[in-house]
Amino acid sequence: MLITDAAVRETAATLAQSLGGDWTLDPEAPADGAAHLIYSDGRAISFRPLFGGATIQLWITGNAAPPLPHDATPADQAAHEARIAARLPKGHRYNKATTLVTEEEEDPAVIILRTLEDLLPAFDYKPRYVGHRPWIDLFDDALKAVTAERRQDSQKSGITETGS
């Protein structure tokens, strides 16, 4: 299904409602044919139709880092610095394009929301290169650690059972 320029703001309002939280249409955004959503902490999501409305270009824009509490311990400071280093910095963008032409004639808001599932984690784990998805790497690393831990536990219990 194609999206017209006139339907962009309506689709953006549907997205803001679907995303929940504090997502709203950005009242200060330029009237440039794109829709701009903003979150209360300054994160932003924008999209614009391309190629006569057959494709959508989506981008997210990073926000300012949260402040470190004054009573933070050195360990808290190190963890805070690591989180800041991993996140998308203020003003930096991460983008993706997707086609709206599907066999099922889906609503553009549904396709955009599904595409945002790939973009939203980049707020907290910025990609280092095109196609990099560090949030998937984190999941894979955690899964490997759990699998290795289970393997060690089963080996230990196997040794105990054969040894007694």
N, C-alpha and C. Protein backbone atom coordinates (compact mmCIF):
# COMPACT_ATOMS: atom_id res chain seq x y z
N MET A 1 0.84 -1.17 0.00
CA MET A 1 0.00 0.00 0.00
C MET A 1 0.90 1.24 0.00
N LEU A 2 0.51 2.22 -0.74
CA LEU A 2 1.26 3.46 -0.81
C LEU A 2 0.81 4.40 0.29
N ILE A 3 1.68 5.33 0.63
CA ILE A 3 1.31 6.37 1.60
C ILE A 3 1.42 7.71 0.90
N THR A 4 0.41 8.51 1.04
CA THR A 4 0.41 9.83 0.41
C THR A 4 1.01 10.84 1.39
N ASP A 5 1.41 11.96 0.85
CA ASP A 5 1.93 13.03 1.71
C ASP A 5 0.89 13.46 2.73
N ALA A 6 -0.37 13.46 2.33
CA ALA A 6 -1.44 13.87 3.24
C ALA A 6 -1.63 12.88 4.38
N ALA A 7 -1.29 11.61 4.16
CA ALA A 7 -1.51 10.59 5.19
C ALA A 7 -0.33 10.45 6.16
N VAL A 8 0.75 11.16 5.91
CA VAL A 8 1.95 11.02 6.75
C VAL A 8 1.67 11.41 8.20
N ARG A 9 1.06 12.55 8.43
CA ARG A 9 0.79 13.00 9.81
C ARG A 9 -0.20 12.08 10.51
N GLU A 10 -1.20 11.59 9.78
CA GLU A 10 -2.17 10.66 10.36
C GLU A 10 -1.48 9.35 10.76
N THR A 11 -0.59 8.87 9.91
CA THR A 11 0.17 7.66 10.21
C THR A 11 1.08 7.89 11.41
N ALA A 12 1.67 9.07 11.49
CA ALA A 12 2.54 9.41 12.62
C ALA A 12 1.75 9.42 13.92
N ALA A 13 0.54 9.94 13.90
CA ALA A 13 -0.30 9.95 15.10
C ALA A 13 -0.64 8.52 15.52
N THR A 14 -0.92 7.65 14.56
CA THR A 14 -1.19 6.24 14.85
C THR A 14 0.05 5.59 15.46
N LEU A 15 1.22 5.89 14.92
CA LEU A 15 2.48 5.34 15.46
C LEU A 15 2.72 5.79 16.89
N ALA A 16 2.51 7.08 17.14
CA ALA A 16 2.72 7.61 18.50
C ALA A 16 1.82 6.87 19.48
N GLN A 17 0.60 6.62 19.10
CA GLN A 17 -0.33 5.90 19.97
C GLN A 17 0.11 4.45 20.14
N SER A 18 0.57 3.81 19.07
CA SER A 18 1.01 2.41 19.15
C SER A 18 2.28 2.25 19.98
N LEU A 19 3.19 3.22 19.89
CA LEU A 19 4.44 3.16 20.64
C LEU A 19 4.20 3.37 22.13
N GLY A 20 3.14 4.09 22.47
CA GLY A 20 2.83 4.35 23.87
C GLY A 20 3.81 5.31 24.50
N GLY A 21 3.82 5.32 25.81
CA GLY A 21 4.72 6.23 26.51
C GLY A 21 4.43 7.68 26.18
N ASP A 22 5.49 8.47 26.07
CA ASP A 22 5.38 9.91 25.83
C ASP A 22 5.56 10.30 24.36
N TRP A 23 5.48 9.38 23.43
CA TRP A 23 5.70 9.73 22.03
C TRP A 23 4.58 10.63 21.54
N THR A 24 4.96 11.77 20.96
CA THR A 24 3.99 12.72 20.41
C THR A 24 4.54 13.30 19.11
N LEU A 25 3.66 13.88 18.33
CA LEU A 25 4.10 14.62 17.15
C LEU A 25 4.91 15.83 17.61
N ASP A 26 6.04 16.05 16.99
CA ASP A 26 6.90 17.17 17.37
C ASP A 26 6.31 18.47 16.83
N PRO A 27 5.83 19.34 17.72
CA PRO A 27 5.20 20.58 17.25
C PRO A 27 6.20 21.57 16.64
N GLU A 28 7.48 21.41 16.92
CA GLU A 28 8.50 22.33 16.42
C GLU A 28 9.20 21.81 15.17
N ALA A 29 8.76 20.64 14.67
CA ALA A 29 9.42 20.05 13.50
C ALA A 29 9.09 20.85 12.25
N PRO A 30 10.02 20.88 11.32
CA PRO A 30 9.77 21.62 10.08
C PRO A 30 8.70 20.92 9.24
N ALA A 31 7.99 21.69 8.46
CA ALA A 31 6.98 21.14 7.55
C ALA A 31 7.70 20.75 6.25
N ASP A 32 8.41 19.63 6.31
CA ASP A 32 9.26 19.21 5.19
C ASP A 32 8.77 17.93 4.50
N GLY A 33 7.52 17.57 4.73
CA GLY A 33 6.98 16.35 4.13
C GLY A 33 7.24 15.11 4.94
N ALA A 34 7.99 15.25 6.01
CA ALA A 34 8.29 14.12 6.90
C ALA A 34 7.45 14.25 8.17
N ALA A 35 7.29 13.14 8.84
CA ALA A 35 6.63 13.15 10.15
C ALA A 35 7.72 13.02 11.21
N HIS A 36 7.57 13.76 12.28
CA HIS A 36 8.58 13.76 13.35
C HIS A 36 7.88 13.50 14.68
N LEU A 37 8.30 12.43 15.35
CA LEU A 37 7.80 12.12 16.69
C LEU A 37 8.92 12.40 17.67
N ILE A 38 8.55 12.83 18.85
CA ILE A 38 9.55 13.11 19.88
C ILE A 38 9.09 12.50 21.19
N TYR A 39 10.06 12.04 21.98
CA TYR A 39 9.80 11.46 23.29
C TYR A 39 10.18 12.50 24.34
N SER A 40 9.66 12.37 25.53
CA SER A 40 9.91 13.37 26.57
C SER A 40 11.39 13.53 26.91
N ASP A 41 12.21 12.50 26.68
CA ASP A 41 13.64 12.61 26.99
C ASP A 41 14.46 13.16 25.82
N GLY A 42 13.80 13.49 24.70
CA GLY A 42 14.50 14.09 23.57
C GLY A 42 14.78 13.16 22.42
N ARG A 43 14.55 11.86 22.57
CA ARG A 43 14.72 10.95 21.44
C ARG A 43 13.73 11.33 20.35
N ALA A 44 14.07 11.02 19.12
CA ALA A 44 13.17 11.36 18.02
C ALA A 44 13.10 10.24 17.00
N ILE A 45 11.93 10.09 16.41
CA ILE A 45 11.69 9.18 15.30
C ILE A 45 11.10 10.02 14.17
N SER A 46 11.62 9.83 12.98
CA SER A 46 11.09 10.56 11.83
C SER A 46 10.96 9.60 10.65
N PHE A 47 10.03 9.93 9.76
CA PHE A 47 9.93 9.16 8.52
C PHE A 47 9.35 10.04 7.43
N ARG A 48 9.70 9.65 6.19
CA ARG A 48 9.21 10.38 5.03
C ARG A 48 8.97 9.38 3.91
N PRO A 49 7.91 9.62 3.12
CA PRO A 49 7.67 8.75 1.96
C PRO A 49 8.64 9.08 0.83
N LEU A 50 9.05 8.07 0.10
CA LEU A 50 9.92 8.21 -1.07
C LEU A 50 9.29 7.46 -2.24
N PHE A 51 9.73 7.76 -3.42
CA PHE A 51 9.31 7.07 -4.63
C PHE A 51 7.79 7.00 -4.75
N GLY A 52 7.14 8.15 -4.60
CA GLY A 52 5.70 8.22 -4.76
C GLY A 52 4.92 7.53 -3.66
N GLY A 53 5.55 7.34 -2.50
CA GLY A 53 4.88 6.72 -1.36
C GLY A 53 5.02 5.22 -1.31
N ALA A 54 5.85 4.63 -2.18
CA ALA A 54 6.05 3.18 -2.18
C ALA A 54 7.08 2.74 -1.14
N THR A 55 7.91 3.67 -0.70
CA THR A 55 8.98 3.38 0.25
C THR A 55 8.95 4.43 1.35
N ILE A 56 9.37 4.01 2.53
CA ILE A 56 9.48 4.94 3.66
C ILE A 56 10.94 4.96 4.12
N GLN A 57 11.46 6.15 4.32
CA GLN A 57 12.76 6.31 4.96
C GLN A 57 12.48 6.66 6.41
N LEU A 58 13.00 5.85 7.33
CA LEU A 58 12.85 6.08 8.76
C LEU A 58 14.20 6.41 9.36
N TRP A 59 14.21 7.29 10.35
CA TRP A 59 15.45 7.53 11.08
C TRP A 59 15.13 7.89 12.52
N ILE A 60 16.06 7.52 13.36
CA ILE A 60 15.96 7.89 14.77
C ILE A 60 17.10 8.85 15.06
N THR A 61 16.88 9.74 16.00
CA THR A 61 17.90 10.72 16.38
C THR A 61 18.14 10.60 17.87
N GLY A 62 19.40 10.45 18.26
CA GLY A 62 19.75 10.27 19.67
C GLY A 62 19.49 11.51 20.50
N ASN A 63 19.38 11.29 21.79
CA ASN A 63 19.12 12.37 22.74
C ASN A 63 20.30 12.54 23.68
N ALA A 64 20.24 13.57 24.50
CA ALA A 64 21.30 13.83 25.47
C ALA A 64 21.36 12.69 26.48
N ALA A 65 22.54 12.40 26.92
CA ALA A 65 22.73 11.33 27.91
C ALA A 65 22.14 11.74 29.25
N PRO A 66 21.59 10.78 29.98
CA PRO A 66 21.07 11.11 31.32
C PRO A 66 22.22 11.51 32.24
N PRO A 67 21.97 12.41 33.16
CA PRO A 67 23.04 12.84 34.06
C PRO A 67 23.38 11.76 35.08
N LEU A 68 24.60 11.82 35.54
CA LEU A 68 25.07 10.91 36.59
C LEU A 68 24.69 11.49 37.94
N PRO A 69 24.11 10.70 38.83
CA PRO A 69 23.78 11.22 40.17
C PRO A 69 25.03 11.72 40.89
N HIS A 70 24.87 12.73 41.71
CA HIS A 70 26.01 13.34 42.41
C HIS A 70 26.68 12.39 43.39
N ASP A 71 25.89 11.47 43.96
CA ASP A 71 26.44 10.55 44.96
C ASP A 71 26.88 9.22 44.35
N ALA A 72 27.21 9.20 43.07
CA ALA A 72 27.60 7.97 42.38
C ALA A 72 28.97 7.49 42.85
N THR A 73 29.06 6.20 43.00
CA THR A 73 30.33 5.57 43.37
C THR A 73 31.20 5.46 42.13
N PRO A 74 32.49 5.17 42.29
CA PRO A 74 33.34 4.97 41.10
C PRO A 74 32.82 3.84 40.20
N ALA A 75 32.26 2.80 40.78
CA ALA A 75 31.69 1.71 39.98
C ALA A 75 30.48 2.20 39.19
N ASP A 76 29.65 3.02 39.85
CA ASP A 76 28.49 3.62 39.16
C ASP A 76 28.96 4.52 38.02
N GLN A 77 30.02 5.29 38.26
CA GLN A 77 30.55 6.18 37.23
C GLN A 77 31.06 5.38 36.03
N ALA A 78 31.76 4.28 36.29
CA ALA A 78 32.28 3.45 35.21
C ALA A 78 31.13 2.82 34.41
N ALA A 79 30.11 2.34 35.09
CA ALA A 79 28.95 1.76 34.41
C ALA A 79 28.22 2.82 33.59
N HIS A 80 28.10 4.02 34.14
CA HIS A 80 27.44 5.13 33.44
C HIS A 80 28.22 5.50 32.17
N GLU A 81 29.54 5.57 32.28
CA GLU A 81 30.37 5.90 31.12
C GLU A 81 30.26 4.82 30.05
N ALA A 82 30.17 3.55 30.46
CA ALA A 82 30.02 2.46 29.50
C ALA A 82 28.68 2.55 28.78
N ARG A 83 27.61 2.87 29.52
CA ARG A 83 26.29 3.03 28.90
C ARG A 83 26.29 4.19 27.91
N ILE A 84 26.94 5.29 28.29
CA ILE A 84 27.00 6.46 27.41
C ILE A 84 27.79 6.13 26.14
N ALA A 85 28.88 5.39 26.28
CA ALA A 85 29.69 5.03 25.12
C ALA A 85 28.93 4.11 24.16
N ALA A 86 28.00 3.32 24.69
CA ALA A 86 27.26 2.36 23.86
C ALA A 86 26.05 2.97 23.17
N ARG A 87 25.57 4.10 23.65
CA ARG A 87 24.30 4.64 23.14
C ARG A 87 24.49 5.57 21.96
N LEU A 88 23.40 5.85 21.26
CA LEU A 88 23.41 6.78 20.13
C LEU A 88 23.51 8.21 20.70
N PRO A 89 24.56 8.95 20.36
CA PRO A 89 24.74 10.29 20.92
C PRO A 89 23.69 11.28 20.44
N LYS A 90 23.57 12.34 21.20
CA LYS A 90 22.61 13.41 20.87
C LYS A 90 22.88 13.93 19.46
N GLY A 91 21.81 14.01 18.68
CA GLY A 91 21.92 14.55 17.33
C GLY A 91 22.36 13.55 16.28
N HIS A 92 22.89 12.40 16.67
CA HIS A 92 23.32 11.40 15.70
C HIS A 92 22.11 10.60 15.23
N ARG A 93 22.16 10.16 14.00
CA ARG A 93 21.02 9.46 13.42
C ARG A 93 21.39 8.05 13.00
N TYR A 94 20.37 7.21 12.99
CA TYR A 94 20.48 5.84 12.49
C TYR A 94 19.24 5.64 11.64
N ASN A 95 19.39 5.14 10.42
CA ASN A 95 18.23 5.09 9.54
C ASN A 95 18.07 3.75 8.83
N LYS A 96 16.89 3.60 8.28
CA LYS A 96 16.56 2.40 7.53
C LYS A 96 15.41 2.74 6.59
N ALA A 97 15.40 2.15 5.42
CA ALA A 97 14.29 2.34 4.48
C ALA A 97 13.56 1.01 4.35
N THR A 98 12.28 1.10 4.08
CA THR A 98 11.49 -0.11 3.88
C THR A 98 10.42 0.15 2.84
N THR A 99 10.06 -0.89 2.13
CA THR A 99 9.02 -0.77 1.12
C THR A 99 7.64 -0.93 1.75
N LEU A 100 6.70 -0.23 1.21
CA LEU A 100 5.32 -0.35 1.67
C LEU A 100 4.51 -1.24 0.73
N VAL A 101 5.13 -1.68 -0.33
CA VAL A 101 4.44 -2.54 -1.30
C VAL A 101 4.59 -3.98 -0.82
N THR A 102 3.50 -4.55 -0.32
CA THR A 102 3.50 -5.92 0.17
C THR A 102 2.36 -6.69 -0.47
N GLU A 103 2.42 -7.99 -0.42
CA GLU A 103 1.37 -8.82 -0.99
C GLU A 103 0.07 -8.70 -0.20
N GLU A 104 0.17 -8.45 1.09
CA GLU A 104 -1.01 -8.41 1.95
C GLU A 104 -1.68 -7.04 2.00
N GLU A 105 -1.14 -6.03 1.34
CA GLU A 105 -1.69 -4.68 1.40
C GLU A 105 -1.84 -4.21 2.84
N GLU A 106 -0.74 -4.31 3.61
CA GLU A 106 -0.75 -3.91 5.02
C GLU A 106 -0.83 -2.39 5.16
N ASP A 107 -1.37 -1.97 6.28
CA ASP A 107 -1.42 -0.56 6.62
C ASP A 107 0.02 -0.05 6.79
N PRO A 108 0.35 1.12 6.23
CA PRO A 108 1.72 1.64 6.37
C PRO A 108 2.17 1.74 7.83
N ALA A 109 1.27 2.08 8.74
CA ALA A 109 1.66 2.20 10.16
C ALA A 109 2.16 0.86 10.70
N VAL A 110 1.57 -0.24 10.27
CA VAL A 110 1.99 -1.58 10.72
C VAL A 110 3.39 -1.89 10.21
N ILE A 111 3.64 -1.58 8.95
CA ILE A 111 4.97 -1.84 8.36
C ILE A 111 6.02 -0.96 9.03
N ILE A 112 5.69 0.29 9.25
CA ILE A 112 6.63 1.21 9.89
C ILE A 112 6.94 0.76 11.31
N LEU A 113 5.92 0.36 12.04
CA LEU A 113 6.12 -0.12 13.42
C LEU A 113 7.02 -1.35 13.44
N ARG A 114 6.82 -2.26 12.51
CA ARG A 114 7.65 -3.47 12.44
C ARG A 114 9.10 -3.10 12.12
N THR A 115 9.29 -2.12 11.23
CA THR A 115 10.64 -1.67 10.88
C THR A 115 11.30 -0.97 12.06
N LEU A 116 10.52 -0.26 12.84
CA LEU A 116 11.08 0.42 14.02
C LEU A 116 11.63 -0.56 15.04
N GLU A 117 11.15 -1.79 15.04
CA GLU A 117 11.69 -2.80 15.96
C GLU A 117 13.18 -3.00 15.73
N ASP A 118 13.66 -2.77 14.50
CA ASP A 118 15.09 -2.86 14.20
C ASP A 118 15.83 -1.58 14.55
N LEU A 119 15.13 -0.46 14.59
CA LEU A 119 15.79 0.83 14.84
C LEU A 119 15.83 1.22 16.32
N LEU A 120 14.76 0.97 17.04
CA LEU A 120 14.66 1.48 18.42
C LEU A 120 15.78 1.00 19.35
N PRO A 121 16.25 -0.24 19.25
CA PRO A 121 17.37 -0.63 20.13
C PRO A 121 18.63 0.21 19.93
N ALA A 122 18.77 0.84 18.77
CA ALA A 122 19.97 1.64 18.49
C ALA A 122 20.05 2.88 19.37
N PHE A 123 18.95 3.28 20.01
CA PHE A 123 19.03 4.39 20.97
C PHE A 123 20.01 4.04 22.09
N ASP A 124 19.97 2.80 22.54
CA ASP A 124 20.79 2.37 23.68
C ASP A 124 22.07 1.65 23.27
N TYR A 125 22.12 1.10 22.06
CA TYR A 125 23.30 0.36 21.58
C TYR A 125 23.58 0.78 20.14
N LYS A 126 24.35 1.86 19.98
CA LYS A 126 24.58 2.40 18.65
C LYS A 126 25.35 1.41 17.76
N PRO A 127 24.93 1.31 16.53
CA PRO A 127 25.65 0.46 15.57
C PRO A 127 26.98 1.09 15.19
N ARG A 128 27.98 0.26 14.89
CA ARG A 128 29.29 0.76 14.50
C ARG A 128 29.45 0.87 12.99
N TYR A 129 28.61 0.16 12.25
CA TYR A 129 28.69 0.18 10.79
C TYR A 129 27.33 -0.26 10.23
N VAL A 130 27.12 -0.06 8.95
CA VAL A 130 25.85 -0.41 8.32
C VAL A 130 25.61 -1.92 8.48
N GLY A 131 24.46 -2.25 8.97
CA GLY A 131 24.11 -3.66 9.16
C GLY A 131 24.47 -4.21 10.53
N HIS A 132 25.24 -3.47 11.30
CA HIS A 132 25.62 -3.91 12.64
C HIS A 132 24.45 -3.74 13.58
N ARG A 133 24.15 -4.78 14.34
CA ARG A 133 23.07 -4.73 15.31
C ARG A 133 23.63 -5.21 16.66
N PRO A 134 24.22 -4.31 17.41
CA PRO A 134 24.87 -4.71 18.66
C PRO A 134 23.92 -5.34 19.66
N TRP A 135 22.64 -4.99 19.62
CA TRP A 135 21.68 -5.60 20.54
C TRP A 135 21.53 -7.09 20.26
N ILE A 136 21.71 -7.52 19.01
CA ILE A 136 21.67 -8.94 18.68
C ILE A 136 22.94 -9.60 19.19
N ASP A 137 24.09 -8.91 19.03
CA ASP A 137 25.35 -9.43 19.57
C ASP A 137 25.25 -9.64 21.08
N LEU A 138 24.65 -8.68 21.79
CA LEU A 138 24.49 -8.81 23.24
C LEU A 138 23.66 -10.04 23.59
N PHE A 139 22.58 -10.26 22.84
CA PHE A 139 21.74 -11.43 23.08
C PHE A 139 22.52 -12.70 22.80
N ASP A 140 23.23 -12.75 21.67
CA ASP A 140 24.01 -13.93 21.32
C ASP A 140 25.09 -14.21 22.36
N ASP A 141 25.77 -13.17 22.84
CA ASP A 141 26.80 -13.34 23.86
C ASP A 141 26.20 -13.86 25.16
N ALA A 142 25.04 -13.33 25.55
CA ALA A 142 24.38 -13.79 26.78
C ALA A 142 23.95 -15.24 26.63
N LEU A 143 23.44 -15.61 25.46
CA LEU A 143 23.02 -16.99 25.22
C LEU A 143 24.21 -17.93 25.28
N LYS A 144 25.33 -17.54 24.69
CA LYS A 144 26.54 -18.37 24.73
C LYS A 144 27.02 -18.55 26.18
N ALA A 145 26.97 -17.48 26.98
CA ALA A 145 27.40 -17.56 28.38
C ALA A 145 26.51 -18.51 29.17
N VAL A 146 25.21 -18.42 28.96
CA VAL A 146 24.28 -19.30 29.67
C VAL A 146 24.48 -20.74 29.24
N THR A 147 24.68 -20.97 27.95
CA THR A 147 24.90 -22.32 27.43
C THR A 147 26.19 -22.89 28.00
N ALA A 148 27.25 -22.10 28.03
CA ALA A 148 28.53 -22.58 28.58
C ALA A 148 28.40 -22.88 30.07
N GLU A 149 27.66 -22.03 30.79
CA GLU A 149 27.46 -22.25 32.22
C GLU A 149 26.68 -23.55 32.46
N ARG A 150 25.66 -23.79 31.68
CA ARG A 150 24.88 -25.03 31.82
C ARG A 150 25.74 -26.24 31.49
N ARG A 151 26.58 -26.12 30.47
CA ARG A 151 27.46 -27.22 30.08
C ARG A 151 28.42 -27.53 31.23
N GLN A 152 28.98 -26.48 31.86
CA GLN A 152 29.88 -26.69 32.99
C GLN A 152 29.16 -27.34 34.16
N ASP A 153 27.95 -26.87 34.44
CA ASP A 153 27.16 -27.45 35.53
C ASP A 153 26.85 -28.91 35.28
N SER A 154 26.51 -29.25 34.03
CA SER A 154 26.19 -30.66 33.73
C SER A 154 27.45 -31.51 33.79
N GLN A 155 28.59 -30.96 33.40
CA GLN A 155 29.84 -31.71 33.48
C GLN A 155 30.22 -31.94 34.94
N LYS A 156 30.04 -30.92 35.79
CA LYS A 156 30.34 -31.05 37.20
C LYS A 156 29.44 -32.10 37.84
N SER A 157 28.17 -32.05 37.51
CA SER A 157 27.25 -33.03 38.11
C SER A 157 27.52 -34.42 37.57
N GLY A 158 27.98 -34.52 36.33
CA GLY A 158 28.33 -35.82 35.76
C GLY A 158 29.54 -36.40 36.46
N ILE A 159 30.52 -35.55 36.79
CA ILE A 159 31.72 -36.00 37.49
C ILE A 159 31.35 -36.46 38.88
N THR A 160 30.47 -35.73 39.55
CA THR A 160 30.07 -36.08 40.90
C THR A 160 29.32 -37.41 40.91
N GLU A 161 28.46 -37.63 39.92
CA GLU A 161 27.68 -38.86 39.88
C GLU A 161 28.56 -40.06 39.59
N THR A 162 29.55 -39.93 38.70
CA THR A 162 30.40 -41.08 38.39
C THR A 162 31.45 -41.29 39.46
N GLY A 163 31.79 -40.26 40.18
CA GLY A 163 32.81 -40.37 41.19
C GLY A 163 32.30 -40.95 42.52
N SER A 164 30.98 -40.98 42.74
CA SER A 164 30.49 -41.46 44.02
C SER A 164 30.02 -42.88 43.98
